[in-house]
């Protein structure tokens, strides 16, 4: 998202800055929509290939509500092939931005070696 914003001429160092500018800066809004749509394409690919009962999106941006999440969901729903799969629940992780690290730690702890 930051790279997209910078490519459009904006200046930000963190995604949160771009998200905070969404309502006041058209370039930030465009970058948020682009990033959400790109993530939604990836989510759709996972649903199309894996046919999960639900898909949980984690990480820093995976836990963000608002326009980014709305663009992600809309793009995913538009690109999921099967009508029934379009109703697959797309959920934000409740573990926050550390979801992957927590999962890896739990897996490492469970591995007998």
C-alpha atoms as a PDB file:
ATOM      1  CA  UNK A   1       0.000   0.000   0.000  1.00  0.00           C
ATOM      2  CA  UNK A   2       2.809   2.378   0.869  1.00  0.00           C
ATOM      3  CA  UNK A   3       4.591   1.590  -2.413  1.00  0.00           C
ATOM      4  CA  UNK A   4       1.385   2.223  -4.374  1.00  0.00           C
ATOM      5  CA  UNK A   5       0.857   5.515  -2.553  1.00  0.00           C
ATOM      6  CA  UNK A   6       4.418   6.624  -3.202  1.00  0.00           C
ATOM      7  CA  UNK A   7       4.145   5.632  -6.872  1.00  0.00           C
ATOM      8  CA  UNK A   8       1.142   7.940  -7.107  1.00  0.00           C
ATOM      9  CA  UNK A   9       3.182  10.792  -5.621  1.00  0.00           C
ATOM     10  CA  UNK A  10       2.243  10.522  -1.961  1.00  0.00           C
ATOM     11  CA  UNK A  11       4.609  10.437   0.966  1.00  0.00           C
ATOM     12  CA  UNK A  12       4.152   7.912   3.714  1.00  0.00           C
ATOM     13  CA  UNK A  13       6.322   5.430   5.555  1.00  0.00           C
ATOM     14  CA  UNK A  14       3.669   3.132   6.996  1.00  0.00           C
ATOM     15  CA  UNK A  15       0.380   1.696   5.788  1.00  0.00           C
ATOM     16  CA  UNK A  16      -1.418   3.209   8.787  1.00  0.00           C
ATOM     17  CA  UNK A  17      -0.466   6.670   7.529  1.00  0.00           C
ATOM     18  CA  UNK A  18      -2.036   5.922   4.150  1.00  0.00           C
ATOM     19  CA  UNK A  19      -5.167   4.544   5.806  1.00  0.00           C
ATOM     20  CA  UNK A  20      -5.421   7.650   7.995  1.00  0.00           C
ATOM     21  CA  UNK A  21      -5.299   9.851   4.877  1.00  0.00           C
ATOM     22  CA  UNK A  22      -8.025   7.915   3.049  1.00  0.00           C
ATOM     23  CA  UNK A  23     -10.755  10.541   3.578  1.00  0.00           C
ATOM     24  CA  UNK A  24      -8.603  13.611   2.950  1.00  0.00           C
ATOM     25  CA  UNK A  25      -6.191  12.563   0.184  1.00  0.00           C
ATOM     26  CA  UNK A  26      -7.455  11.150  -3.131  1.00  0.00           C
ATOM     27  CA  UNK A  27      -4.053   9.531  -3.755  1.00  0.00           C
ATOM     28  CA  UNK A  28      -4.257   7.697  -0.446  1.00  0.00           C
ATOM     29  CA  UNK A  29      -7.803   6.593  -1.258  1.00  0.00           C
ATOM     30  CA  UNK A  30      -6.619   5.263  -4.614  1.00  0.00           C
ATOM     31  CA  UNK A  31      -3.734   3.382  -2.987  1.00  0.00           C
ATOM     32  CA  UNK A  32      -6.054   1.846  -0.370  1.00  0.00           C
ATOM     33  CA  UNK A  33      -8.475   0.686  -3.073  1.00  0.00           C
ATOM     34  CA  UNK A  34      -5.618  -0.763  -5.146  1.00  0.00           C
ATOM     35  CA  UNK A  35      -4.143  -2.597  -2.164  1.00  0.00           C
ATOM     36  CA  UNK A  36      -7.497  -3.920  -0.976  1.00  0.00           C
ATOM     37  CA  UNK A  37      -8.396  -5.086  -4.475  1.00  0.00           C
ATOM     38  CA  UNK A  38      -5.038  -6.829  -4.923  1.00  0.00           C
ATOM     39  CA  UNK A  39      -5.413  -8.598  -1.589  1.00  0.00           C
ATOM     40  CA  UNK A  40      -8.955  -9.568  -2.565  1.00  0.00           C
ATOM     41  CA  UNK A  41      -7.632 -11.195  -5.726  1.00  0.00           C
ATOM     42  CA  UNK A  42      -5.317 -13.309  -3.595  1.00  0.00           C
ATOM     43  CA  UNK A  43      -8.149 -14.242  -1.247  1.00  0.00           C
ATOM     44  CA  UNK A  44     -10.316 -15.238  -4.232  1.00  0.00           C
ATOM     45  CA  UNK A  45      -7.523 -17.421  -5.570  1.00  0.00           C
ATOM     46  CA  UNK A  46      -7.275 -19.233  -2.235  1.00  0.00           C
ATOM     47  CA  UNK A  47     -11.034 -19.778  -2.080  1.00  0.00           C
ATOM     48  CA  UNK A  48     -11.135 -20.963  -5.702  1.00  0.00           C
ATOM     49  CA  UNK A  49      -8.281 -23.421  -5.252  1.00  0.00           C
ATOM     50  CA  UNK A  50      -8.835 -24.665  -1.693  1.00  0.00           C
ATOM     51  CA  UNK A  51     -12.629 -24.415  -1.295  1.00  0.00           C
ATOM     52  CA  UNK A  52     -12.376 -23.657   2.456  1.00  0.00           C
ATOM     53  CA  UNK A  53     -15.324 -23.438   4.851  1.00  0.00           C
ATOM     54  CA  UNK A  54     -13.993 -20.011   5.884  1.00  0.00           C
ATOM     55  CA  UNK A  55     -10.914 -17.916   5.213  1.00  0.00           C
ATOM     56  CA  UNK A  56      -9.222 -15.939   7.972  1.00  0.00           C
ATOM     57  CA  UNK A  57      -7.077 -12.999   6.931  1.00  0.00           C
ATOM     58  CA  UNK A  58      -4.355 -12.115   9.427  1.00  0.00           C
ATOM     59  CA  UNK A  59      -1.462  -9.759   9.717  1.00  0.00           C
ATOM     60  CA  UNK A  60      -1.490  -6.012  10.192  1.00  0.00           C
ATOM     61  CA  UNK A  61      -3.687  -5.134   7.214  1.00  0.00           C
ATOM     62  CA  UNK A  62      -5.742  -8.280   7.649  1.00  0.00           C
ATOM     63  CA  UNK A  63      -7.082  -6.859  10.892  1.00  0.00           C
ATOM     64  CA  UNK A  64      -7.966  -3.427   9.500  1.00  0.00           C
ATOM     65  CA  UNK A  65     -11.620  -2.499   9.166  1.00  0.00           C
ATOM     66  CA  UNK A  66     -12.977   0.173   6.837  1.00  0.00           C
ATOM     67  CA  UNK A  67     -12.366   0.886   3.159  1.00  0.00           C
ATOM     68  CA  UNK A  68      -9.377  -1.452   2.780  1.00  0.00           C
ATOM     69  CA  UNK A  69     -11.344  -4.431   4.116  1.00  0.00           C
ATOM     70  CA  UNK A  70     -14.420  -3.482   2.085  1.00  0.00           C
ATOM     71  CA  UNK A  71     -12.345  -3.385  -1.128  1.00  0.00           C
ATOM     72  CA  UNK A  72     -10.708  -6.698  -0.249  1.00  0.00           C
ATOM     73  CA  UNK A  73     -14.060  -8.418   0.301  1.00  0.00           C
ATOM     74  CA  UNK A  74     -15.678  -6.880  -2.792  1.00  0.00           C
ATOM     75  CA  UNK A  75     -12.757  -7.892  -5.027  1.00  0.00           C
ATOM     76  CA  UNK A  76     -12.693 -11.395  -3.580  1.00  0.00           C
ATOM     77  CA  UNK A  77     -16.425 -11.922  -3.990  1.00  0.00           C
ATOM     78  CA  UNK A  78     -16.277 -10.671  -7.600  1.00  0.00           C
ATOM     79  CA  UNK A  79     -13.509 -13.126  -8.497  1.00  0.00           C
ATOM     80  CA  UNK A  80     -14.686 -16.271  -6.721  1.00  0.00           C
ATOM     81  CA  UNK A  81     -15.887 -18.619  -9.444  1.00  0.00           C
ATOM     82  CA  UNK A  82     -18.576 -20.748  -7.811  1.00  0.00           C
ATOM     83  CA  UNK A  83     -21.770 -19.069  -6.643  1.00  0.00           C
ATOM     84  CA  UNK A  84     -21.860 -21.114  -3.422  1.00  0.00           C
ATOM     85  CA  UNK A  85     -18.221 -20.282  -2.655  1.00  0.00           C
ATOM     86  CA  UNK A  86     -18.969 -16.543  -2.852  1.00  0.00           C
ATOM     87  CA  UNK A  87     -20.715 -16.973   0.492  1.00  0.00           C
ATOM     88  CA  UNK A  88     -17.548 -18.341   2.129  1.00  0.00           C
ATOM     89  CA  UNK A  89     -17.029 -16.332   5.319  1.00  0.00           C
ATOM     90  CA  UNK A  90     -14.072 -13.959   4.978  1.00  0.00           C
ATOM     91  CA  UNK A  91     -12.936 -13.119   8.496  1.00  0.00           C
ATOM     92  CA  UNK A  92     -10.352 -10.861  10.065  1.00  0.00           C
ATOM     93  CA  UNK A  93      -7.989 -12.526  12.517  1.00  0.00           C
ATOM     94  CA  UNK A  94      -8.716 -11.839  16.153  1.00  0.00           C
ATOM     95  CA  UNK A  95      -5.026 -12.324  16.998  1.00  0.00           C
ATOM     96  CA  UNK A  96      -4.022  -9.040  15.393  1.00  0.00           C
ATOM     97  CA  UNK A  97      -0.873  -8.361  13.408  1.00  0.00           C
ATOM     98  CA  UNK A  98       1.090 -11.028  15.271  1.00  0.00           C
ATOM     99  CA  UNK A  99      -1.150 -13.903  14.087  1.00  0.00           C
ATOM    100  CA  UNK A 100       1.523 -15.529  11.907  1.00  0.00           C
ATOM    101  CA  UNK A 101       4.183 -15.333  14.611  1.00  0.00           C
ATOM    102  CA  UNK A 102       1.791 -16.761  17.209  1.00  0.00           C
ATOM    103  CA  UNK A 103       0.847 -19.604  14.872  1.00  0.00           C
ATOM    104  CA  UNK A 104       4.491 -20.386  14.105  1.00  0.00           C
ATOM    105  CA  UNK A 105       5.367 -20.380  17.805  1.00  0.00           C
ATOM    106  CA  UNK A 106       2.473 -22.696  18.624  1.00  0.00           C
ATOM    107  CA  UNK A 107       3.481 -25.019  15.807  1.00  0.00           C
ATOM    108  CA  UNK A 108       7.123 -25.060  16.895  1.00  0.00           C
ATOM    109  CA  UNK A 109       6.086 -25.809  20.465  1.00  0.00           C
ATOM    110  CA  UNK A 110       3.887 -28.712  19.305  1.00  0.00           C
ATOM    111  CA  UNK A 111       6.602 -30.229  17.114  1.00  0.00           C
ATOM    112  CA  UNK A 112       8.363 -32.993  19.124  1.00  0.00           C
ATOM    113  CA  UNK A 113      11.489 -32.398  17.189  1.00  0.00           C
END
